[in-house]
Amino acid sequence: MSNKNPKGKLFSRRGILPILGGSLLVPFIGTGQSEPEKNPLDDNEEQYKTLLKPDGTVVKIKISALKDAKVVKKNISNNSFLGWLGKK
């Protein structure tokens, strides 16, 4: 009779490698709940739109102010627009 352990070898090199590899994949499984996206229209905060001024700077304007703005003149050419701005 042989003096072998009835359970055999507890851990072998080949038995440890899948356990080690599987433990490296645990962070990618992810069990956390993602937060629901907030709808920007539901917030009571005023919404802003980014516009470009004639001198090339950026300005943020409230969307409600854009809705209330009046149109001075529609469908003007670039040359007349630059003249109206005083650039030409």
C-alpha atoms as a PDB file:
ATOM      1  CA  MET A   1       0.000   0.000   0.000  1.00  0.00           C
ATOM      2  CA  SER A   2       1.071   3.498  -0.631  1.00  0.00           C
ATOM      3  CA  ASN A   3       1.138   6.301   1.906  1.00  0.00           C
ATOM      4  CA  LYS A   4      -0.785   8.840  -0.191  1.00  0.00           C
ATOM      5  CA  ASN A   5      -3.051  11.478   1.202  1.00  0.00           C
ATOM      6  CA  PRO A   6      -6.670  10.366   0.567  1.00  0.00           C
ATOM      7  CA  LYS A   7      -7.531  13.832  -0.793  1.00  0.00           C
ATOM      8  CA  GLY A   8      -4.539  13.881  -3.081  1.00  0.00           C
ATOM      9  CA  LYS A   9      -2.490  17.018  -3.418  1.00  0.00           C
ATOM     10  CA  LEU A  10      -4.288  20.009  -1.969  1.00  0.00           C
ATOM     11  CA  PHE A  11      -2.712  22.580  -4.255  1.00  0.00           C
ATOM     12  CA  SER A  12      -0.665  22.091  -7.337  1.00  0.00           C
ATOM     13  CA  ARG A  13       0.880  24.688  -9.604  1.00  0.00           C
ATOM     14  CA  ARG A  14      -1.695  24.007 -12.278  1.00  0.00           C
ATOM     15  CA  GLY A  15      -4.494  24.333  -9.735  1.00  0.00           C
ATOM     16  CA  ILE A  16      -3.305  27.702  -8.475  1.00  0.00           C
ATOM     17  CA  LEU A  17      -2.972  29.394 -11.889  1.00  0.00           C
ATOM     18  CA  PRO A  18      -6.729  29.457 -12.702  1.00  0.00           C
ATOM     19  CA  ILE A  19      -7.499  30.753  -9.226  1.00  0.00           C
ATOM     20  CA  LEU A  20      -4.864  33.461  -9.565  1.00  0.00           C
ATOM     21  CA  GLY A  21      -6.088  34.430 -13.052  1.00  0.00           C
ATOM     22  CA  GLY A  22      -9.697  34.490 -11.908  1.00  0.00           C
ATOM     23  CA  SER A  23      -8.853  36.716  -8.972  1.00  0.00           C
ATOM     24  CA  LEU A  24      -7.303  39.235 -11.362  1.00  0.00           C
ATOM     25  CA  LEU A  25     -10.613  39.461 -13.265  1.00  0.00           C
ATOM     26  CA  VAL A  26     -12.690  40.266 -10.167  1.00  0.00           C
ATOM     27  CA  PRO A  27     -12.293  44.083 -10.460  1.00  0.00           C
ATOM     28  CA  PHE A  28     -13.732  43.976 -13.984  1.00  0.00           C
ATOM     29  CA  ILE A  29     -16.944  42.231 -12.935  1.00  0.00           C
ATOM     30  CA  GLY A  30     -18.321  45.244 -11.079  1.00  0.00           C
ATOM     31  CA  THR A  31     -21.188  44.816  -8.678  1.00  0.00           C
ATOM     32  CA  GLY A  32     -21.937  48.480  -7.961  1.00  0.00           C
ATOM     33  CA  GLN A  33     -25.080  50.259  -9.068  1.00  0.00           C
ATOM     34  CA  SER A  34     -24.640  53.136 -11.467  1.00  0.00           C
ATOM     35  CA  GLU A  35     -26.361  56.376 -10.597  1.00  0.00           C
ATOM     36  CA  PRO A  36     -29.296  57.315 -12.795  1.00  0.00           C
ATOM     37  CA  GLU A  37     -28.519  60.174 -15.146  1.00  0.00           C
ATOM     38  CA  LYS A  38     -29.904  63.531 -14.175  1.00  0.00           C
ATOM     39  CA  ASN A  39     -32.063  65.248 -16.714  1.00  0.00           C
ATOM     40  CA  PRO A  40     -30.705  68.788 -17.140  1.00  0.00           C
ATOM     41  CA  LEU A  41     -34.211  70.114 -17.743  1.00  0.00           C
ATOM     42  CA  ASP A  42     -35.386  68.853 -14.338  1.00  0.00           C
ATOM     43  CA  ASP A  43     -32.905  70.966 -12.412  1.00  0.00           C
ATOM     44  CA  ASN A  44     -34.055  74.302 -11.080  1.00  0.00           C
ATOM     45  CA  GLU A  45     -30.720  75.793 -12.042  1.00  0.00           C
ATOM     46  CA  GLU A  46     -30.692  78.120 -15.023  1.00  0.00           C
ATOM     47  CA  GLN A  47     -29.334  76.529 -18.195  1.00  0.00           C
ATOM     48  CA  TYR A  48     -26.645  78.345 -20.193  1.00  0.00           C
ATOM     49  CA  LYS A  49     -25.554  78.255 -23.822  1.00  0.00           C
ATOM     50  CA  THR A  50     -22.039  79.130 -24.961  1.00  0.00           C
ATOM     51  CA  LEU A  51     -21.833  81.688 -27.772  1.00  0.00           C
ATOM     52  CA  LEU A  52     -19.007  83.404 -29.613  1.00  0.00           C
ATOM     53  CA  LYS A  53     -18.727  87.195 -29.503  1.00  0.00           C
ATOM     54  CA  PRO A  54     -17.541  89.216 -32.557  1.00  0.00           C
ATOM     55  CA  ASP A  55     -14.077  89.736 -31.074  1.00  0.00           C
ATOM     56  CA  GLY A  56     -13.616  85.965 -30.727  1.00  0.00           C
ATOM     57  CA  THR A  57     -14.211  85.604 -26.986  1.00  0.00           C
ATOM     58  CA  VAL A  58     -16.645  83.101 -25.524  1.00  0.00           C
ATOM     59  CA  VAL A  59     -19.627  84.122 -23.415  1.00  0.00           C
ATOM     60  CA  LYS A  60     -22.278  82.091 -21.569  1.00  0.00           C
ATOM     61  CA  ILE A  61     -25.863  83.307 -21.940  1.00  0.00           C
ATOM     62  CA  LYS A  62     -29.013  82.019 -20.260  1.00  0.00           C
ATOM     63  CA  ILE A  63     -31.248  80.055 -22.605  1.00  0.00           C
ATOM     64  CA  SER A  64     -34.282  81.976 -21.361  1.00  0.00           C
ATOM     65  CA  ALA A  65     -32.605  85.228 -22.485  1.00  0.00           C
ATOM     66  CA  LEU A  66     -32.062  83.773 -25.963  1.00  0.00           C
ATOM     67  CA  LYS A  67     -35.716  82.787 -26.219  1.00  0.00           C
ATOM     68  CA  ASP A  68     -36.795  86.333 -25.314  1.00  0.00           C
ATOM     69  CA  ALA A  69     -34.340  88.026 -27.723  1.00  0.00           C
ATOM     70  CA  LYS A  70     -35.654  89.819 -30.802  1.00  0.00           C
ATOM     71  CA  VAL A  71     -34.211  89.375 -34.279  1.00  0.00           C
ATOM     72  CA  VAL A  72     -32.900  92.643 -35.734  1.00  0.00           C
ATOM     73  CA  LYS A  73     -32.456  91.488 -39.311  1.00  0.00           C
ATOM     74  CA  LYS A  74     -32.638  88.035 -40.908  1.00  0.00           C
ATOM     75  CA  ASN A  75     -30.550  86.534 -43.705  1.00  0.00           C
ATOM     76  CA  ILE A  76     -27.809  89.144 -43.985  1.00  0.00           C
ATOM     77  CA  SER A  77     -24.564  88.584 -45.866  1.00  0.00           C
ATOM     78  CA  ASN A  78     -21.205  88.287 -44.157  1.00  0.00           C
ATOM     79  CA  ASN A  79     -19.999  91.624 -45.526  1.00  0.00           C
ATOM     80  CA  SER A  80     -23.021  93.519 -44.262  1.00  0.00           C
ATOM     81  CA  PHE A  81     -22.769  91.727 -40.922  1.00  0.00           C
ATOM     82  CA  LEU A  82     -19.129  92.746 -40.527  1.00  0.00           C
ATOM     83  CA  GLY A  83     -20.068  96.298 -41.451  1.00  0.00           C
ATOM     84  CA  TRP A  84     -22.871  96.247 -38.870  1.00  0.00           C
ATOM     85  CA  LEU A  85     -20.372  95.073 -36.246  1.00  0.00           C
ATOM     86  CA  GLY A  86     -17.898  97.781 -37.242  1.00  0.00           C
ATOM     87  CA  LYS A  87     -15.197  95.332 -38.328  1.00  0.00           C
ATOM     88  CA  LYS A  88     -15.013  96.469 -41.956  1.00  0.00           C
END
